[in-house]
Amino acid sequence: MAGNYHQLALAEVRPGMVLSDELLDVQGHVLLAQGTVLTDTMLALMPRHGIAVLPIVREDVAPEQAQAALAHHQARIDQLFRKNDADSDSDWATALLRRFVTDFRLNRATPQEHPEHE
């Protein structure tokens, strides 16, 4: 992936970033495949394998593309929850699920508060 990646120090890598190449340990064994979406667990295990720098896909996304992706996700969420009134408290479980799906898909920080109905 020439030109479409950059090397990031482990401290700079965040969950959700994508490997641009295979990740090898110090013995040359493949730890993770190219295209792997990194998780917290994966990142926590990197120091055990002597990994300090990771090849990460560079995400140069035009603002128009980002807006189109958000609009697509919102339309899909609206379709999935079409039978649920977002303003109604009668089905709090579905409303909570919709909020979590929306926050995840639209890359919003997930609220840490607990619902009143637990």
C-alpha atoms as a PDB file:
ATOM      1  CA  MET A   1       0.000   0.000   0.000  1.00  0.00           C
ATOM      2  CA  ALA A   2       2.607   2.506  -1.044  1.00  0.00           C
ATOM      3  CA  GLY A   3       1.794   6.059  -0.064  1.00  0.00           C
ATOM      4  CA  ASN A   4      -1.524   5.231   1.609  1.00  0.00           C
ATOM      5  CA  TYR A   5      -0.136   4.460   5.062  1.00  0.00           C
ATOM      6  CA  HIS A   6       1.945   5.961   7.813  1.00  0.00           C
ATOM      7  CA  GLN A   7       3.902   4.565  10.718  1.00  0.00           C
ATOM      8  CA  LEU A   8       2.407   5.478  14.090  1.00  0.00           C
ATOM      9  CA  ALA A   9       3.873   4.945  17.535  1.00  0.00           C
ATOM     10  CA  LEU A  10       1.810   2.543  19.616  1.00  0.00           C
ATOM     11  CA  ALA A  11       0.770   5.395  21.937  1.00  0.00           C
ATOM     12  CA  GLU A  12      -0.808   7.220  18.974  1.00  0.00           C
ATOM     13  CA  VAL A  13      -2.768   4.242  17.636  1.00  0.00           C
ATOM     14  CA  ARG A  14      -6.475   4.128  18.533  1.00  0.00           C
ATOM     15  CA  PRO A  15      -9.037   1.319  18.373  1.00  0.00           C
ATOM     16  CA  GLY A  16     -10.744   1.264  14.993  1.00  0.00           C
ATOM     17  CA  MET A  17      -7.613   2.115  13.022  1.00  0.00           C
ATOM     18  CA  VAL A  18      -6.703  -0.330  10.231  1.00  0.00           C
ATOM     19  CA  LEU A  19      -3.380  -2.055   9.573  1.00  0.00           C
ATOM     20  CA  SER A  20      -1.973  -1.249   6.140  1.00  0.00           C
ATOM     21  CA  ASP A  21       0.270  -4.322   6.102  1.00  0.00           C
ATOM     22  CA  GLU A  22       0.802  -7.600   7.935  1.00  0.00           C
ATOM     23  CA  LEU A  23       2.063  -7.114  11.460  1.00  0.00           C
ATOM     24  CA  LEU A  24       5.056  -9.312  12.282  1.00  0.00           C
ATOM     25  CA  ASP A  25       6.598 -10.040  15.660  1.00  0.00           C
ATOM     26  CA  VAL A  26      10.366  -9.936  16.283  1.00  0.00           C
ATOM     27  CA  GLN A  27      10.729 -13.534  15.049  1.00  0.00           C
ATOM     28  CA  GLY A  28       8.927 -12.748  11.790  1.00  0.00           C
ATOM     29  CA  HIS A  29       5.669 -14.515  12.663  1.00  0.00           C
ATOM     30  CA  VAL A  30       2.465 -12.917  11.419  1.00  0.00           C
ATOM     31  CA  LEU A  31       0.546 -11.504  14.391  1.00  0.00           C
ATOM     32  CA  LEU A  32      -2.210  -9.736  12.474  1.00  0.00           C
ATOM     33  CA  ALA A  33      -3.245  -9.712   8.832  1.00  0.00           C
ATOM     34  CA  GLN A  34      -3.296  -6.697   6.550  1.00  0.00           C
ATOM     35  CA  GLY A  35      -6.605  -4.849   6.878  1.00  0.00           C
ATOM     36  CA  THR A  36      -7.195  -5.833  10.515  1.00  0.00           C
ATOM     37  CA  VAL A  37      -9.275  -3.315  12.446  1.00  0.00           C
ATOM     38  CA  LEU A  38      -7.460  -2.813  15.727  1.00  0.00           C
ATOM     39  CA  THR A  39      -9.200  -3.193  19.098  1.00  0.00           C
ATOM     40  CA  ASP A  40      -8.274  -2.176  22.651  1.00  0.00           C
ATOM     41  CA  THR A  41      -7.353  -5.774  23.440  1.00  0.00           C
ATOM     42  CA  MET A  42      -5.040  -6.063  20.432  1.00  0.00           C
ATOM     43  CA  LEU A  43      -3.309  -2.792  21.300  1.00  0.00           C
ATOM     44  CA  ALA A  44      -2.841  -3.832  24.928  1.00  0.00           C
ATOM     45  CA  LEU A  45      -0.994  -6.989  23.806  1.00  0.00           C
ATOM     46  CA  MET A  46       1.443  -5.215  21.441  1.00  0.00           C
ATOM     47  CA  PRO A  47       4.179  -4.515  24.036  1.00  0.00           C
ATOM     48  CA  ARG A  48       4.353  -8.248  24.863  1.00  0.00           C
ATOM     49  CA  HIS A  49       5.396  -8.879  21.271  1.00  0.00           C
ATOM     50  CA  GLY A  50       7.894  -6.040  21.095  1.00  0.00           C
ATOM     51  CA  ILE A  51       5.695  -3.892  18.839  1.00  0.00           C
ATOM     52  CA  ALA A  52       6.335  -0.137  19.225  1.00  0.00           C
ATOM     53  CA  VAL A  53       5.283   1.162  15.783  1.00  0.00           C
ATOM     54  CA  LEU A  54       2.364   0.106  13.581  1.00  0.00           C
ATOM     55  CA  PRO A  55       1.691   0.620   9.849  1.00  0.00           C
ATOM     56  CA  ILE A  56      -1.724   2.315   9.757  1.00  0.00           C
ATOM     57  CA  VAL A  57      -3.902   3.089   6.735  1.00  0.00           C
ATOM     58  CA  ARG A  58      -3.990   6.815   6.084  1.00  0.00           C
ATOM     59  CA  GLU A  59      -7.582   7.947   6.004  1.00  0.00           C
ATOM     60  CA  ASP A  60      -7.708  11.011   3.804  1.00  0.00           C
ATOM     61  CA  VAL A  61     -11.447  11.405   3.381  1.00  0.00           C
ATOM     62  CA  ALA A  62     -12.942  14.400   1.643  1.00  0.00           C
ATOM     63  CA  PRO A  63     -15.581  16.265   3.691  1.00  0.00           C
ATOM     64  CA  GLU A  64     -18.177  15.485   1.011  1.00  0.00           C
ATOM     65  CA  GLN A  65     -17.465  11.764   1.322  1.00  0.00           C
ATOM     66  CA  ALA A  66     -17.703  11.935   5.113  1.00  0.00           C
ATOM     67  CA  GLN A  67     -21.063  13.752   4.907  1.00  0.00           C
ATOM     68  CA  ALA A  68     -22.376  11.239   2.374  1.00  0.00           C
ATOM     69  CA  ALA A  69     -21.329   8.338   4.619  1.00  0.00           C
ATOM     70  CA  LEU A  70     -23.051   9.912   7.635  1.00  0.00           C
ATOM     71  CA  ALA A  71     -26.215  10.525   5.611  1.00  0.00           C
ATOM     72  CA  HIS A  72     -26.139   6.904   4.411  1.00  0.00           C
ATOM     73  CA  HIS A  73     -25.759   5.603   7.975  1.00  0.00           C
ATOM     74  CA  GLN A  74     -28.571   7.850   9.224  1.00  0.00           C
ATOM     75  CA  ALA A  75     -30.890   6.679   6.436  1.00  0.00           C
ATOM     76  CA  ARG A  76     -30.068   3.052   7.268  1.00  0.00           C
ATOM     77  CA  ILE A  77     -30.757   3.618  10.979  1.00  0.00           C
ATOM     78  CA  ASP A  78     -34.058   5.315  10.129  1.00  0.00           C
ATOM     79  CA  GLN A  79     -34.987   2.295   7.987  1.00  0.00           C
ATOM     80  CA  LEU A  80     -34.022  -0.225  10.681  1.00  0.00           C
ATOM     81  CA  PHE A  81     -35.991   1.591  13.381  1.00  0.00           C
ATOM     82  CA  ARG A  82     -38.882   2.744  11.178  1.00  0.00           C
ATOM     83  CA  LYS A  83     -41.487   1.156  13.491  1.00  0.00           C
ATOM     84  CA  ASN A  84     -40.077   2.861  16.578  1.00  0.00           C
ATOM     85  CA  ASP A  85     -41.017   6.420  17.488  1.00  0.00           C
ATOM     86  CA  ALA A  86     -37.770   7.992  18.699  1.00  0.00           C
ATOM     87  CA  ASP A  87     -39.695  10.533  20.811  1.00  0.00           C
ATOM     88  CA  SER A  88     -41.875   7.967  22.587  1.00  0.00           C
ATOM     89  CA  ASP A  89     -40.967   6.549  26.001  1.00  0.00           C
ATOM     90  CA  SER A  90     -43.291   3.550  25.601  1.00  0.00           C
ATOM     91  CA  ASP A  91     -40.532   1.300  24.191  1.00  0.00           C
ATOM     92  CA  TRP A  92     -37.480   2.437  26.132  1.00  0.00           C
ATOM     93  CA  ALA A  93     -35.394  -0.630  25.250  1.00  0.00           C
ATOM     94  CA  THR A  94     -35.701  -0.052  21.507  1.00  0.00           C
ATOM     95  CA  ALA A  95     -35.089   3.664  21.999  1.00  0.00           C
ATOM     96  CA  LEU A  96     -31.918   2.865  23.952  1.00  0.00           C
ATOM     97  CA  LEU A  97     -30.761   0.425  21.269  1.00  0.00           C
ATOM     98  CA  ARG A  98     -31.436   3.029  18.583  1.00  0.00           C
ATOM     99  CA  ARG A  99     -29.400   5.606  20.508  1.00  0.00           C
ATOM    100  CA  PHE A 100     -26.441   3.226  20.887  1.00  0.00           C
ATOM    101  CA  VAL A 101     -26.541   2.180  17.218  1.00  0.00           C
ATOM    102  CA  THR A 102     -26.796   5.816  16.140  1.00  0.00           C
ATOM    103  CA  ASP A 103     -23.891   6.866  18.368  1.00  0.00           C
ATOM    104  CA  PHE A 104     -21.754   3.995  17.073  1.00  0.00           C
ATOM    105  CA  ARG A 105     -22.556   4.450  13.382  1.00  0.00           C
ATOM    106  CA  LEU A 106     -22.214   8.227  13.434  1.00  0.00           C
ATOM    107  CA  ASN A 107     -18.958   8.053  15.437  1.00  0.00           C
ATOM    108  CA  ARG A 108     -20.315   9.883  18.435  1.00  0.00           C
ATOM    109  CA  ALA A 109     -18.986   9.293  21.899  1.00  0.00           C
ATOM    110  CA  THR A 110     -21.218   6.777  23.672  1.00  0.00           C
ATOM    111  CA  PRO A 111     -22.873   8.338  26.715  1.00  0.00           C
ATOM    112  CA  GLN A 112     -21.752   6.831  29.997  1.00  0.00           C
ATOM    113  CA  GLU A 113     -25.027   7.484  31.804  1.00  0.00           C
ATOM    114  CA  HIS A 114     -27.341   4.639  32.644  1.00  0.00           C
ATOM    115  CA  PRO A 115     -30.962   4.608  31.482  1.00  0.00           C
ATOM    116  CA  GLU A 116     -33.647   5.330  34.045  1.00  0.00           C
ATOM    117  CA  HIS A 117     -35.357   1.997  33.385  1.00  0.00           C
ATOM    118  CA  GLU A 118     -32.566  -0.345  34.494  1.00  0.00           C
END
